[in-house]
């Protein structure tokens, strides 16, 4: 058996080379390849709250009458 990866939909992802492969053997190979698919890409690390991009954005100050007073109050 050999796995061929292609960008088009007409190219098969898996091609069986030996005709005497049983359905159980093919299922085992497909299970192994599908399990390896998730391990190929590195897992994303969670971003700590203190390093989040939202902390870099300045908060919006209230507009309108009394906005200057509300800007000094804790949120």
Protein backbone atom coordinates (compact mmCIF):
# COMPACT_ATOMS: atom_id res chain seq x y z
CA UNK A 1 0.00 0.00 0.00
CA UNK A 2 1.09 3.54 -0.56
CA UNK A 3 -0.45 6.86 0.37
CA UNK A 4 -0.48 9.58 -2.25
CA UNK A 5 -1.44 13.10 -1.32
CA UNK A 6 -2.70 15.48 -3.96
CA UNK A 7 -4.31 18.86 -4.12
CA UNK A 8 -7.07 17.94 -6.56
CA UNK A 9 -10.15 15.92 -5.69
CA UNK A 10 -9.56 13.41 -8.51
CA UNK A 11 -6.30 12.18 -6.96
CA UNK A 12 -6.91 9.35 -4.46
CA UNK A 13 -5.56 9.82 -0.97
CA UNK A 14 -4.93 6.10 -0.51
CA UNK A 15 -4.07 3.65 -3.27
CA UNK A 16 -4.03 -0.13 -2.71
CA UNK A 17 -1.04 -1.67 -4.53
CA UNK A 18 -1.50 -5.33 -3.59
CA UNK A 19 -4.84 -6.81 -4.69
CA UNK A 20 -4.86 -9.49 -1.98
CA UNK A 21 -5.32 -7.03 0.92
CA UNK A 22 -8.30 -7.88 3.09
CA UNK A 23 -10.87 -5.29 4.16
CA UNK A 24 -9.62 -5.66 7.76
CA UNK A 25 -6.06 -4.80 6.71
CA UNK A 26 -7.25 -1.78 4.76
CA UNK A 27 -9.32 -0.63 7.74
CA UNK A 28 -6.29 -1.00 10.02
CA UNK A 29 -4.12 1.11 7.70
CA UNK A 30 -6.82 3.77 7.37
CA UNK A 31 -7.15 3.89 11.18
CA UNK A 32 -3.39 4.33 11.59
CA UNK A 33 -3.24 7.10 8.99
CA UNK A 34 -6.21 8.91 10.48
CA UNK A 35 -4.63 8.73 13.94
CA UNK A 36 -1.37 10.13 12.56
CA UNK A 37 -3.20 13.01 10.84
CA UNK A 38 -3.87 14.83 14.12
CA UNK A 39 -0.30 14.33 15.37
CA UNK A 40 1.31 15.88 12.29
CA UNK A 41 0.19 19.42 13.11
CA UNK A 42 1.54 20.83 16.39
CA UNK A 43 -1.10 21.67 18.95
CA UNK A 44 -1.66 25.37 19.57
CA UNK A 45 -0.63 26.54 22.99
CA UNK A 46 -3.25 28.46 24.94
CA UNK A 47 -2.54 32.19 25.09
CA UNK A 48 -2.25 33.50 28.64
CA UNK A 49 -4.74 36.20 29.56
CA UNK A 50 -1.99 38.74 30.25
CA UNK A 51 -0.60 38.28 26.72
CA UNK A 52 -3.95 38.44 24.90
CA UNK A 53 -4.27 40.90 22.02
CA UNK A 54 -7.33 42.48 23.61
CA UNK A 55 -5.16 43.90 26.38
CA UNK A 56 -3.16 45.92 23.84
CA UNK A 57 -6.23 47.83 22.68
CA UNK A 58 -7.06 51.00 24.58
CA UNK A 59 -10.50 50.98 26.18
CA UNK A 60 -13.19 53.25 24.77
CA UNK A 61 -14.03 56.18 27.00
CA UNK A 62 -17.69 57.11 27.37
CA UNK A 63 -18.94 59.84 25.06
CA UNK A 64 -21.44 62.54 25.75
CA UNK A 65 -22.33 64.59 28.80
CA UNK A 66 -20.57 63.32 31.92
CA UNK A 67 -18.15 61.20 29.92
CA UNK A 68 -15.13 62.85 31.47
CA UNK A 69 -16.46 61.95 34.90
CA UNK A 70 -17.15 58.31 33.96
CA UNK A 71 -13.66 57.93 32.46
CA UNK A 72 -12.09 58.15 35.90
CA UNK A 73 -14.35 55.60 37.53
CA UNK A 74 -13.24 51.98 37.89
CA UNK A 75 -14.77 49.51 35.47
